[in-house]
Amino acid sequence: MARLWKVTAKVNVGKLPKGASVEIVKSGTNARPTAHEIEDAILSKYNIEIPSGTANSNHFNIEEA
């Protein structure tokens, strides 16, 4: 079953403003999105590369939608 995750910036992350969000669909696993998946989704939606190592729960709320 596919799961939909909403990832929202808690703070400004590089050029990505606080409150910006992406949705990530994962299937075949219950795992939360990986840092790489979050970075790819942000790049795809906003065309912004966030600094390496910042796609984590310190900078983002990661919740199942």
C-alpha atoms as a PDB file:
ATOM      1  CA  MET A   1       0.000   0.000   0.000  1.00  0.00           C
ATOM      2  CA  ALA A   2       1.265   3.477  -0.835  1.00  0.00           C
ATOM      3  CA  ARG A   3       1.782   6.035   1.902  1.00  0.00           C
ATOM      4  CA  LEU A   4       1.707   9.800   1.449  1.00  0.00           C
ATOM      5  CA  TRP A   5       4.125  11.887   3.511  1.00  0.00           C
ATOM      6  CA  LYS A   6       4.038  15.661   3.946  1.00  0.00           C
ATOM      7  CA  VAL A   7       7.404  17.272   4.651  1.00  0.00           C
ATOM      8  CA  THR A   8       7.345  20.913   5.822  1.00  0.00           C
ATOM      9  CA  ALA A   9      10.292  23.189   6.611  1.00  0.00           C
ATOM     10  CA  LYS A  10      10.341  24.263  10.285  1.00  0.00           C
ATOM     11  CA  VAL A  11      12.954  26.945   9.593  1.00  0.00           C
ATOM     12  CA  ASN A  12      14.589  28.502   6.534  1.00  0.00           C
ATOM     13  CA  VAL A  13      16.830  25.819   5.002  1.00  0.00           C
ATOM     14  CA  GLY A  14      19.303  27.407   2.617  1.00  0.00           C
ATOM     15  CA  LYS A  15      17.081  29.266   0.119  1.00  0.00           C
ATOM     16  CA  LEU A  16      14.001  27.213   1.029  1.00  0.00           C
ATOM     17  CA  PRO A  17      11.673  29.334   3.194  1.00  0.00           C
ATOM     18  CA  LYS A  18      10.088  28.215   6.436  1.00  0.00           C
ATOM     19  CA  GLY A  19       6.681  26.649   5.754  1.00  0.00           C
ATOM     20  CA  ALA A  20       7.544  25.335   2.282  1.00  0.00           C
ATOM     21  CA  SER A  21       6.324  21.775   1.878  1.00  0.00           C
ATOM     22  CA  VAL A  22       6.494  18.791  -0.438  1.00  0.00           C
ATOM     23  CA  GLU A  23       4.541  15.567  -0.616  1.00  0.00           C
ATOM     24  CA  ILE A  24       6.297  12.241  -1.084  1.00  0.00           C
ATOM     25  CA  VAL A  25       4.587   8.961  -1.961  1.00  0.00           C
ATOM     26  CA  LYS A  26       6.273   5.746  -0.817  1.00  0.00           C
ATOM     27  CA  SER A  27       5.006   2.263  -1.514  1.00  0.00           C
ATOM     28  CA  GLY A  28       6.057  -1.132  -0.238  1.00  0.00           C
ATOM     29  CA  THR A  29       7.437   0.240   3.034  1.00  0.00           C
ATOM     30  CA  ASN A  30       6.339   1.951   6.234  1.00  0.00           C
ATOM     31  CA  ALA A  31       9.589   3.923   6.425  1.00  0.00           C
ATOM     32  CA  ARG A  32       9.638   7.699   6.468  1.00  0.00           C
ATOM     33  CA  PRO A  33      11.157   9.499   3.484  1.00  0.00           C
ATOM     34  CA  THR A  34      14.948   9.464   3.383  1.00  0.00           C
ATOM     35  CA  ALA A  35      17.063  12.618   3.279  1.00  0.00           C
ATOM     36  CA  HIS A  36      17.784  11.926  -0.388  1.00  0.00           C
ATOM     37  CA  GLU A  37      14.063  11.601  -1.197  1.00  0.00           C
ATOM     38  CA  ILE A  38      13.324  14.881   0.601  1.00  0.00           C
ATOM     39  CA  GLU A  39      16.158  16.682  -1.219  1.00  0.00           C
ATOM     40  CA  ASP A  40      14.950  15.312  -4.588  1.00  0.00           C
ATOM     41  CA  ALA A  41      11.339  16.347  -3.927  1.00  0.00           C
ATOM     42  CA  ILE A  42      12.397  19.898  -2.994  1.00  0.00           C
ATOM     43  CA  LEU A  43      14.603  20.166  -6.052  1.00  0.00           C
ATOM     44  CA  SER A  44      11.782  18.880  -8.270  1.00  0.00           C
ATOM     45  CA  LYS A  45       9.080  21.185  -6.865  1.00  0.00           C
ATOM     46  CA  TYR A  46      11.031  24.371  -6.106  1.00  0.00           C
ATOM     47  CA  ASN A  47      14.234  23.952  -8.159  1.00  0.00           C
ATOM     48  CA  ILE A  48      16.179  24.648  -4.938  1.00  0.00           C
ATOM     49  CA  GLU A  49      19.083  22.561  -3.676  1.00  0.00           C
ATOM     50  CA  ILE A  50      19.161  22.532   0.106  1.00  0.00           C
ATOM     51  CA  PRO A  51      22.481  22.186   1.955  1.00  0.00           C
ATOM     52  CA  SER A  52      23.685  18.618   2.395  1.00  0.00           C
ATOM     53  CA  GLY A  53      22.760  17.103   5.751  1.00  0.00           C
ATOM     54  CA  THR A  54      19.808  19.407   6.448  1.00  0.00           C
ATOM     55  CA  ALA A  55      16.966  17.138   5.299  1.00  0.00           C
ATOM     56  CA  ASN A  56      16.185  15.793   8.762  1.00  0.00           C
ATOM     57  CA  SER A  57      13.692  16.178  11.595  1.00  0.00           C
ATOM     58  CA  ASN A  58      15.669  19.093  13.067  1.00  0.00           C
ATOM     59  CA  HIS A  59      14.739  21.199  10.037  1.00  0.00           C
ATOM     60  CA  PHE A  60      11.559  19.527   8.764  1.00  0.00           C
ATOM     61  CA  ASN A  61       8.260  18.206  10.117  1.00  0.00           C
ATOM     62  CA  ILE A  62       7.719  14.814   8.514  1.00  0.00           C
ATOM     63  CA  GLU A  63       4.191  13.509   8.921  1.00  0.00           C
ATOM     64  CA  GLU A  64       2.016  10.931   7.259  1.00  0.00           C
ATOM     65  CA  ALA A  65      -0.796  12.641   5.375  1.00  0.00           C
END
